[in-house]
Amino acid sequence: MSLLLKSSLYILLGLFAFQPSVAQKRAKKERPKYAEVPSSDLVYDDVNYIPEIKTVAFYNAKREGSFPIINLTGGEELLLGFDDLRGGSRNLSYSVVHCNSDWTPSSISSIEYLESFSEDRITDYRFSYNTYQKYTHYQLRLPNFAVRPKLSGNYLLKVFEDGDPNKLLISRRFYILQQKVGLQAEVAPSPSVAHRDSNQKINFTVAHPALNIQNAYQEIKAVVLQNAQQASAKTTNRPLFIRNAQLVYSDNSSNDFAGGNEFHRFDTRSFRYKSDGVYAIQLDSIYQVALFADEDRNRQTYAHQFDENGSFFTINQDGSDARYDGDYANVSFVLKAEKPNDEGFAYVVGKFNGYQKNAANRMVYDENSKTFILNSLVKQGVVDYRYVWADEKGNILDTSAFEGSYYQTENDYQILIYYRAPGARYDQLIAFTQLNSVKAPRNF
């Protein structure tokens, strides 16, 4: 049994006698040799295609961790950063694909939606230094001289190796906005009496005095996300009312979200001391971090705690630039809970792992101690995470199985409005806003 697994079990059994002092470094192990990138089918979603790709961050460069959207004519940039644990320098390229509102590829060619080239190489990279886990950090800014979108809408960024689009490393969704209509929104209690204490209802109005919409049911589509999670998307193309150049979306049957619960979080900005959520730190061939065990919150009352709504921030208080000198740790997640049933698995998810519900993020259940355990390699910083119950393929079975759902929970909501003109072959993104369930709305 590994030290990390022992640590997790000792926390639960009260036998953990871990000394907080850092152990002496062991003899350096030879770095494993990773296989070449296999060919993969492109998925039009946020996916890491090989396990050696870690800490993928993609956001509007104005604000770290923000929603990946920029204005078409605002001079803004998107920033992509990620680590390749295989180390060394690789021949990496990228390209972008224009998509419809439902994330199927649109029927227009790259010549129609790009001003210049359709792909380019990633040349901005740097090797890690002063770290026990070696990696290469890559960075990309969009748009740039080589790749510059010229239409609004949904886009998929894909990163691949050796000039082969099938040797995929990463795919990430992003958005180009061309504001053409006004958008006002609010968070209200659920109209359903049964869900009044657990759900949050999103109502909004689209004002289009300058845009001639002939048939709103066919030309307009609205998408609402909770905390920027793609799996949470709710889509509607039927406003409740059409009046005076306004489309009102407030019917009782749509955009009613389970509030969920606040995210768990841990803080490893420094490995010199234990901070939020951290029970113990030890240095082996790399750092080993044991988190405090989490309890099942499904049957508890709501308790507020500060979080970043699922986001993460790479920070190294003991270094100069966390992108290159931030280290990795084997982090032990422990959840004390009964299995909801025999049909699924518990997963640890957050923006730090792209909310991917795969084998790497699947927890192991110990029947004797009634606990779920996962050891995962995570870069140091501040990390939000939560537990979900899903099947072997990652399909959600119960979002609140371990966390519960409460109307009081603080959540961010993103609203996107799409327009397809009569006879057009693609969807334009014509409005966007982000609002918070307990704070004033934030205009983009």
Protein backbone atom coordinates (compact mmCIF):
# COMPACT_ATOMS: atom_id res chain seq x y z
CA MET A 1 0.00 0.00 0.00
CA SER A 2 1.35 3.42 -0.95
CA LEU A 3 2.23 6.06 1.64
CA LEU A 4 -0.49 8.30 0.24
CA LEU A 5 -3.17 5.63 0.53
CA LYS A 6 -2.05 4.83 4.07
CA SER A 7 -2.23 8.49 4.97
CA SER A 8 -5.79 8.69 3.71
CA LEU A 9 -6.92 5.68 5.69
CA TYR A 10 -5.17 6.80 8.85
CA ILE A 11 -7.08 10.06 8.74
CA LEU A 12 -10.31 8.13 8.74
CA LEU A 13 -9.36 5.58 11.41
CA GLY A 14 -7.76 8.05 13.78
CA LEU A 15 -4.41 6.27 13.52
CA PHE A 16 -2.67 8.88 11.42
CA ALA A 17 0.52 9.80 13.28
CA PHE A 18 2.04 11.90 10.52
CA GLN A 19 4.85 14.25 11.53
CA PRO A 20 4.43 17.65 9.84
CA SER A 21 8.14 18.15 9.28
CA VAL A 22 9.35 17.61 5.74
CA ALA A 23 11.25 14.40 5.13
CA GLN A 24 14.64 14.23 3.47
CA LYS A 25 14.65 13.98 -0.28
CA ARG A 26 15.12 10.46 -1.60
CA ALA A 27 17.37 9.55 -4.44
CA LYS A 28 16.01 11.05 -7.62
CA LYS A 29 14.08 8.57 -9.71
CA GLU A 30 14.58 8.27 -13.40
CA ARG A 31 11.82 10.07 -15.28
CA PRO A 32 9.42 7.57 -16.91
CA LYS A 33 9.47 7.34 -20.68
CA TYR A 34 6.04 8.16 -22.09
CA ALA A 35 4.64 6.65 -25.25
CA GLU A 36 3.99 8.74 -28.31
CA VAL A 37 0.63 10.47 -28.65
CA PRO A 38 -2.00 8.07 -30.06
CA SER A 39 -4.52 9.12 -32.66
CA SER A 40 -7.81 10.30 -31.14
CA ASP A 41 -11.22 11.27 -32.43
CA LEU A 42 -11.93 14.96 -31.91
CA VAL A 43 -14.49 15.72 -29.21
CA TYR A 44 -16.14 19.15 -29.46
CA ASP A 45 -15.75 19.76 -25.75
CA ASP A 46 -13.10 20.57 -23.13
CA VAL A 47 -10.91 17.46 -23.19
CA ASN A 48 -7.35 16.48 -22.26
CA TYR A 49 -6.56 13.57 -24.56
CA ILE A 50 -3.48 12.19 -22.76
CA PRO A 51 -2.92 12.01 -18.97
CA GLU A 52 0.44 13.84 -19.12
CA ILE A 53 -1.30 17.13 -20.01
CA LYS A 54 -2.08 18.96 -16.77
CA THR A 55 -3.23 22.33 -15.41
CA VAL A 56 -4.96 23.61 -18.54
CA ALA A 57 -6.10 27.22 -18.04
CA PHE A 58 -7.99 29.11 -20.75
CA TYR A 59 -9.53 32.52 -20.07
CA ASN A 60 -9.89 36.16 -21.11
CA ALA A 61 -6.44 37.63 -20.45
CA LYS A 62 -7.97 40.61 -18.62
CA ARG A 63 -8.86 38.40 -15.65
CA GLU A 64 -7.32 35.08 -14.63
CA GLY A 65 -9.84 32.26 -14.45
CA SER A 66 -12.55 34.21 -16.31
CA PHE A 67 -14.99 32.84 -18.87
CA PRO A 68 -13.21 32.28 -22.25
CA ILE A 69 -15.00 34.96 -24.25
CA ILE A 70 -13.74 38.08 -26.04
CA ASN A 71 -15.29 40.83 -28.13
CA LEU A 72 -14.81 40.56 -31.88
CA THR A 73 -13.55 44.14 -32.20
CA GLY A 74 -12.29 44.95 -28.70
CA GLY A 75 -8.59 44.18 -28.97
CA GLU A 76 -8.94 41.53 -26.26
CA GLU A 77 -7.01 38.27 -25.99
CA LEU A 78 -7.57 34.76 -24.75
CA LEU A 79 -4.73 33.10 -22.87
CA LEU A 80 -4.12 29.35 -22.95
CA GLY A 81 -1.56 27.78 -20.63
CA PHE A 82 -0.84 24.12 -19.88
CA ASP A 83 1.88 21.77 -18.64
CA ASP A 84 3.26 18.72 -20.44
CA LEU A 85 4.67 16.28 -17.89
CA ARG A 86 6.59 14.43 -20.59
CA GLY A 87 9.10 17.29 -20.49
CA GLY A 88 11.41 18.35 -23.28
CA SER A 89 10.32 20.42 -26.26
CA ARG A 90 7.63 19.08 -28.56
CA ASN A 91 6.42 20.07 -32.00
CA LEU A 92 2.96 21.36 -31.05
CA SER A 93 0.47 23.07 -33.34
CA TYR A 94 -3.03 24.44 -32.94
CA SER A 95 -6.06 25.34 -35.03
CA VAL A 96 -9.59 26.64 -34.44
CA VAL A 97 -12.96 25.43 -35.74
CA HIS A 98 -16.13 27.52 -35.96
CA CYS A 99 -19.14 25.77 -34.41
CA ASN A 100 -22.89 26.14 -34.22
CA SER A 101 -24.63 26.99 -30.96
CA ASP A 102 -24.98 23.25 -30.21
CA TRP A 103 -21.23 22.68 -30.73
CA THR A 104 -21.51 20.85 -34.00
CA PRO A 105 -19.09 22.19 -36.67
CA SER A 106 -20.69 24.94 -38.76
CA SER A 107 -20.95 24.54 -42.51
CA ILE A 108 -18.71 27.50 -43.37
CA SER A 109 -15.07 27.08 -44.37
CA SER A 110 -12.03 28.40 -42.48
CA ILE A 111 -11.57 31.01 -45.23
CA GLU A 112 -14.93 32.50 -44.22
CA TYR A 113 -14.32 32.68 -40.45
CA LEU A 114 -10.55 33.34 -40.29
CA GLU A 115 -8.67 36.36 -41.60
CA SER A 116 -5.34 34.62 -42.06
CA PHE A 117 -4.02 31.08 -41.54
CA SER A 118 -6.03 28.13 -40.24
CA GLU A 119 -3.28 26.75 -37.98
CA ASP A 120 0.10 27.62 -36.49
CA ARG A 121 2.79 26.27 -34.16
CA ILE A 122 3.05 26.97 -30.44
CA THR A 123 6.47 28.53 -29.94
CA ASP A 124 6.06 30.01 -26.45
CA TYR A 125 7.25 27.38 -23.98
CA ARG A 126 9.60 27.08 -21.04
CA PHE A 127 10.99 24.23 -18.97
CA SER A 128 10.19 23.99 -15.26
CA TYR A 129 12.96 24.76 -12.79
CA ASN A 130 13.49 24.06 -9.06
CA THR A 131 10.71 21.47 -9.17
CA TYR A 132 10.68 17.80 -8.25
CA GLN A 133 8.13 17.06 -10.95
CA LYS A 134 9.63 18.10 -14.28
CA TYR A 135 7.39 19.54 -16.99
CA THR A 136 7.27 21.95 -19.91
CA HIS A 137 4.86 24.88 -19.70
CA TYR A 138 3.29 26.05 -22.98
CA GLN A 139 1.43 29.29 -23.57
CA LEU A 140 -0.66 30.69 -26.43
CA ARG A 141 -2.52 33.95 -27.01
CA LEU A 142 -5.50 34.30 -29.35
CA PRO A 143 -6.17 36.04 -31.63
CA ASN A 144 -2.67 36.60 -33.01
CA PHE A 145 -0.98 37.46 -36.29
CA ALA A 146 -1.32 33.92 -37.65
CA VAL A 147 -4.82 32.94 -36.48
CA ARG A 148 -7.48 35.64 -36.20
CA PRO A 149 -11.25 34.88 -36.22
CA LYS A 150 -13.42 37.38 -38.09
CA LEU A 151 -16.91 36.11 -37.22
CA SER A 152 -18.71 35.89 -33.89
CA GLY A 153 -19.89 32.56 -32.49
CA ASN A 154 -18.63 29.41 -30.84
CA TYR A 155 -15.11 28.16 -31.56
CA LEU A 156 -13.15 25.06 -30.65
CA LEU A 157 -9.40 25.32 -30.10
CA LYS A 158 -7.46 22.11 -30.64
CA VAL A 159 -3.78 21.45 -29.87
CA PHE A 160 -2.01 18.56 -31.56
CA GLU A 161 1.50 17.15 -32.02
CA ASP A 162 3.87 16.66 -34.99
CA GLY A 163 1.52 18.51 -37.37
CA ASP A 164 -0.93 15.60 -37.20
CA PRO A 165 -4.48 16.80 -36.29
CA ASN A 166 -5.28 13.28 -35.06
CA LYS A 167 -2.53 13.34 -32.41
CA LEU A 168 -4.65 15.48 -30.13
CA LEU A 169 -3.49 16.83 -26.80
CA ILE A 170 -6.18 19.36 -25.88
CA SER A 171 -9.50 20.75 -27.11
CA ARG A 172 -11.13 23.78 -25.49
CA ARG A 173 -14.29 25.75 -26.23
CA PHE A 174 -14.24 29.55 -26.52
CA TYR A 175 -16.53 32.35 -27.65
CA ILE A 176 -16.31 35.44 -29.88
CA LEU A 177 -18.96 38.06 -29.12
CA GLN A 178 -20.43 40.75 -31.36
CA GLN A 179 -22.98 42.52 -29.17
CA LYS A 180 -26.12 43.38 -31.18
CA VAL A 181 -28.91 43.24 -28.57
CA GLY A 182 -29.42 44.17 -24.94
CA LEU A 183 -29.67 41.54 -22.22
CA GLN A 184 -31.02 41.84 -18.68
CA ALA A 185 -31.25 38.93 -16.22
CA GLU A 186 -32.10 37.97 -12.66
CA VAL A 187 -31.88 34.98 -10.32
CA ALA A 188 -35.22 34.12 -8.69
CA PRO A 189 -36.58 31.35 -6.45
CA SER A 190 -37.74 28.25 -8.26
CA PRO A 191 -41.43 28.40 -9.25
CA SER A 192 -41.72 24.74 -8.22
CA VAL A 193 -42.79 24.40 -4.59
CA ALA A 194 -40.90 21.11 -4.32
CA HIS A 195 -37.65 22.80 -5.41
CA ARG A 196 -38.11 26.16 -3.71
CA ASP A 197 -35.35 25.44 -1.15
CA SER A 198 -32.91 23.78 -3.55
CA ASN A 199 -33.12 25.45 -6.96
CA GLN A 200 -32.31 28.79 -8.60
CA LYS A 201 -34.36 30.10 -11.52
CA ILE A 202 -32.82 32.30 -14.23
CA ASN A 203 -35.11 34.82 -15.97
CA PHE A 204 -33.91 37.19 -18.68
CA THR A 205 -35.07 39.59 -21.37
CA VAL A 206 -33.51 40.26 -24.77
CA ALA A 207 -34.07 43.79 -26.17
CA HIS A 208 -33.50 44.06 -29.93
CA PRO A 209 -34.62 47.48 -31.22
CA ALA A 210 -31.77 47.60 -33.76
CA LEU A 211 -32.03 43.97 -34.93
CA ASN A 212 -34.93 42.87 -37.12
CA ILE A 213 -35.97 39.44 -35.85
CA GLN A 214 -38.68 37.99 -38.07
CA ASN A 215 -39.21 34.65 -36.30
CA ALA A 216 -37.71 34.41 -32.80
CA TYR A 217 -38.51 30.70 -32.54
CA GLN A 218 -36.27 29.91 -35.50
CA GLU A 219 -33.67 32.69 -35.40
CA ILE A 220 -32.83 33.04 -31.68
CA LYS A 221 -31.41 30.47 -29.30
CA ALA A 222 -30.52 31.11 -25.65
CA VAL A 223 -28.03 29.05 -23.61
CA VAL A 224 -27.51 29.32 -19.85
CA LEU A 225 -24.52 27.81 -18.00
CA GLN A 226 -23.95 27.42 -14.28
CA ASN A 227 -20.37 28.23 -13.17
CA ALA A 228 -19.24 27.92 -16.82
CA GLN A 229 -19.75 24.15 -16.74
CA GLN A 230 -20.61 22.79 -20.16
CA ALA A 231 -22.49 19.83 -18.68
CA SER A 232 -24.91 22.22 -16.97
CA ALA A 233 -26.03 23.97 -20.19
CA LYS A 234 -29.75 24.58 -20.62
CA THR A 235 -30.93 25.64 -24.09
CA THR A 236 -34.21 27.22 -25.17
CA ASN A 237 -35.48 28.77 -28.40
CA ARG A 238 -38.99 29.65 -27.26
CA PRO A 239 -39.46 32.93 -25.37
CA LEU A 240 -42.51 33.19 -23.13
CA PHE A 241 -43.48 36.60 -24.50
CA ILE A 242 -42.62 38.59 -27.66
CA ARG A 243 -43.43 42.27 -27.20
CA ASN A 244 -42.15 45.71 -28.25
CA ALA A 245 -38.82 44.48 -29.67
CA GLN A 246 -38.33 42.34 -26.57
CA LEU A 247 -38.07 38.59 -26.00
CA VAL A 248 -38.97 37.53 -22.46
CA TYR A 249 -37.64 34.21 -21.15
CA SER A 250 -39.36 33.57 -17.81
CA ASP A 251 -41.56 30.53 -18.23
CA ASN A 252 -41.75 28.15 -15.29
CA SER A 253 -40.41 25.09 -17.09
CA SER A 254 -37.00 26.37 -18.27
CA ASN A 255 -33.67 27.50 -16.78
CA ASP A 256 -34.40 26.09 -13.32
CA PHE A 257 -31.03 24.97 -11.88
CA ALA A 258 -30.22 22.93 -8.79
CA GLY A 259 -28.29 25.35 -6.58
CA GLY A 260 -25.81 22.68 -5.47
CA ASN A 261 -23.40 23.52 -2.69
CA GLU A 262 -20.26 25.59 -2.27
CA PHE A 263 -17.11 23.95 -3.61
CA HIS A 264 -14.54 22.35 -1.34
CA ARG A 265 -11.09 23.92 -1.61
CA PHE A 266 -7.49 23.42 -0.58
CA ASP A 267 -4.48 25.71 -0.54
CA THR A 268 -0.97 24.57 -1.47
CA ARG A 269 0.54 27.94 -2.35
CA SER A 270 3.45 26.88 -0.16
CA PHE A 271 4.69 23.42 0.75
CA ARG A 272 6.48 24.87 3.78
CA TYR A 273 3.33 24.94 5.90
CA LYS A 274 -0.20 23.53 6.01
CA SER A 275 -2.99 25.84 4.89
CA ASP A 276 -6.73 25.52 4.15
CA GLY A 277 -7.86 21.93 3.71
CA VAL A 278 -4.39 20.42 4.11
CA TYR A 279 -3.82 17.83 6.85
CA ALA A 280 -0.21 16.91 6.16
CA ILE A 281 2.66 17.45 3.71
CA GLN A 282 5.58 15.14 3.11
CA LEU A 283 8.40 15.19 0.58
CA ASP A 284 9.14 11.92 -1.15
CA SER A 285 10.36 11.79 -4.74
CA ILE A 286 7.74 14.54 -5.13
CA TYR A 287 5.48 16.23 -2.60
CA GLN A 288 2.72 14.19 -0.99
CA VAL A 289 -0.29 16.12 0.33
CA ALA A 290 -3.02 14.56 2.47
CA LEU A 291 -6.23 16.59 2.66
CA PHE A 292 -8.65 16.55 5.56
CA ALA A 293 -11.42 14.02 4.93
CA ASP A 294 -14.64 15.50 3.56
CA GLU A 295 -18.05 14.54 4.93
CA ASP A 296 -21.24 13.73 3.03
CA ARG A 297 -23.12 17.07 2.88
CA ASN A 298 -26.29 15.80 1.23
CA ARG A 299 -28.35 15.67 4.43
CA GLN A 300 -26.78 18.60 6.23
CA THR A 301 -28.10 22.15 6.45
CA TYR A 302 -26.53 24.80 4.23
CA ALA A 303 -23.34 26.40 5.57
CA HIS A 304 -21.66 29.24 3.68
CA GLN A 305 -17.99 28.97 2.82
CA PHE A 306 -15.95 31.06 0.40
CA ASP A 307 -15.08 29.47 -2.93
CA GLU A 308 -14.18 30.42 -6.51
CA ASN A 309 -17.11 28.58 -8.08
CA GLY A 310 -14.96 25.70 -9.25
CA SER A 311 -11.94 27.62 -10.51
CA PHE A 312 -8.26 27.20 -9.62
CA PHE A 313 -5.25 29.50 -9.45
CA THR A 314 -1.64 28.39 -9.87
CA ILE A 315 0.37 30.16 -7.16
CA ASN A 316 3.81 29.53 -5.64
CA GLN A 317 4.53 31.82 -2.70
CA ASP A 318 8.07 30.47 -2.43
CA GLY A 319 9.00 31.08 -6.07
CA SER A 320 9.07 33.84 -8.65
CA ASP A 321 6.71 32.57 -11.38
CA ALA A 322 4.30 29.71 -10.65
CA ARG A 323 3.93 28.92 -14.35
CA TYR A 324 7.45 27.51 -14.37
CA ASP A 325 8.52 26.98 -10.75
CA GLY A 326 5.19 25.83 -9.33
CA ASP A 327 5.60 22.19 -8.28
CA TYR A 328 3.21 19.26 -8.35
CA ALA A 329 2.02 17.09 -5.48
CA ASN A 330 0.26 13.78 -5.19
CA VAL A 331 -2.91 14.96 -3.48
CA SER A 332 -5.02 12.51 -1.48
CA PHE A 333 -8.78 13.24 -1.64
CA VAL A 334 -10.88 11.42 0.96
CA LEU A 335 -14.69 11.37 1.15
CA LYS A 336 -16.48 9.71 4.07
CA ALA A 337 -19.83 8.63 2.63
CA GLU A 338 -22.01 5.63 1.86
CA LYS A 339 -22.32 4.52 -1.76
CA PRO A 340 -25.60 5.89 -3.15
CA ASN A 341 -26.08 2.66 -5.12
CA ASP A 342 -24.11 0.07 -7.08
CA GLU A 343 -24.67 1.73 -10.46
CA GLY A 344 -22.05 4.46 -10.39
CA PHE A 345 -18.75 5.87 -9.19
CA ALA A 346 -17.64 8.93 -7.24
CA TYR A 347 -15.48 11.42 -9.14
CA VAL A 348 -13.46 14.45 -8.02
CA VAL A 349 -14.06 17.32 -10.46
CA GLY A 350 -13.28 21.01 -10.85
CA LYS A 351 -11.80 23.34 -13.40
CA PHE A 352 -8.34 22.07 -12.37
CA ASN A 353 -9.06 18.78 -14.18
CA GLY A 354 -11.51 20.15 -16.74
CA TYR A 355 -14.47 18.52 -14.93
CA GLN A 356 -13.50 15.33 -16.72
CA LYS A 357 -15.16 12.27 -15.24
CA ASN A 358 -12.69 9.64 -16.36
CA ALA A 359 -10.60 6.85 -14.83
CA ALA A 360 -7.94 9.32 -13.64
CA ASN A 361 -10.49 11.21 -11.52
CA ARG A 362 -12.53 8.21 -10.35
CA MET A 363 -12.40 7.39 -6.64
CA VAL A 364 -11.85 3.95 -5.12
CA TYR A 365 -14.37 2.84 -2.49
CA ASP A 366 -13.32 1.01 0.68
CA GLU A 367 -16.27 -1.00 2.01
CA ASN A 368 -14.80 -1.47 5.50
CA SER A 369 -14.24 2.21 6.31
CA LYS A 370 -17.08 3.49 4.05
CA THR A 371 -14.76 5.96 2.35
CA PHE A 372 -13.86 7.00 -1.19
CA ILE A 373 -10.20 7.71 -1.94
CA LEU A 374 -8.37 9.25 -4.90
CA ASN A 375 -4.72 10.15 -5.38
CA SER A 376 -4.23 12.79 -8.08
CA LEU A 377 -1.29 14.84 -9.33
CA VAL A 378 -2.16 18.55 -8.88
CA LYS A 379 -0.07 21.69 -9.37
CA GLN A 380 0.33 23.89 -6.34
CA GLY A 381 -1.99 26.82 -5.77
CA VAL A 382 -5.60 27.29 -4.67
CA VAL A 383 -8.00 24.65 -6.00
CA ASP A 384 -11.80 24.26 -5.88
CA TYR A 385 -13.30 20.80 -6.24
CA ARG A 386 -16.46 18.79 -5.58
CA TYR A 387 -17.72 15.21 -5.67
CA VAL A 388 -20.22 13.90 -8.23
CA TRP A 389 -21.87 10.51 -8.80
CA ALA A 390 -21.65 9.28 -12.41
CA ASP A 391 -21.48 6.07 -14.38
CA GLU A 392 -18.36 4.47 -15.83
CA LYS A 393 -18.58 6.62 -18.97
CA GLY A 394 -18.87 9.82 -16.94
CA ASN A 395 -22.60 10.39 -17.43
CA ILE A 396 -23.99 12.18 -14.37
CA LEU A 397 -26.35 10.07 -12.28
CA ASP A 398 -26.82 12.42 -9.32
CA THR A 399 -25.26 15.88 -9.01
CA SER A 400 -26.19 16.26 -5.34
CA ALA A 401 -25.48 12.74 -4.09
CA PHE A 402 -22.67 13.92 -1.79
CA GLU A 403 -23.05 17.71 -1.81
CA GLY A 404 -26.78 18.41 -1.46
CA SER A 405 -28.52 21.34 -3.17
CA TYR A 406 -29.50 24.67 -1.61
CA TYR A 407 -31.07 27.86 -2.91
CA GLN A 408 -28.62 29.94 -0.82
CA THR A 409 -25.55 28.63 -2.68
CA GLU A 410 -23.51 31.31 -4.44
CA ASN A 411 -23.20 30.53 -8.16
CA ASP A 412 -22.19 32.32 -11.35
CA TYR A 413 -24.46 32.05 -14.40
CA GLN A 414 -23.48 32.78 -18.00
CA ILE A 415 -26.18 33.63 -20.57
CA LEU A 416 -25.39 33.46 -24.30
CA ILE A 417 -27.77 34.60 -27.05
CA TYR A 418 -27.33 33.26 -30.60
CA TYR A 419 -28.84 34.54 -33.84
CA ARG A 420 -29.09 32.79 -37.20
CA ALA A 421 -30.33 35.14 -39.91
CA PRO A 422 -32.76 33.72 -42.48
CA GLY A 423 -30.75 31.74 -45.03
CA ALA A 424 -27.50 31.97 -43.01
CA ARG A 425 -25.18 28.97 -42.53
CA TYR A 426 -23.85 29.74 -39.05
CA ASP A 427 -24.91 31.04 -35.63
CA GLN A 428 -23.76 34.47 -34.47
CA LEU A 429 -23.17 35.18 -30.78
CA ILE A 430 -24.97 38.50 -30.30
CA ALA A 431 -25.23 38.89 -26.51
CA PHE A 432 -23.57 37.71 -23.32
CA THR A 433 -23.88 38.49 -19.65
CA GLN A 434 -22.72 36.95 -16.40
CA LEU A 435 -24.63 37.25 -13.15
CA ASN A 436 -24.20 35.95 -9.64
CA SER A 437 -26.91 34.42 -7.47
CA VAL A 438 -26.08 36.69 -4.51
CA LYS A 439 -24.27 39.63 -6.11
CA ALA A 440 -25.22 42.32 -8.60
CA PRO A 441 -25.02 41.33 -12.31
CA ARG A 442 -21.68 41.86 -14.02
CA ASN A 443 -21.74 43.23 -17.54
CA PHE A 444 -19.15 41.87 -19.96
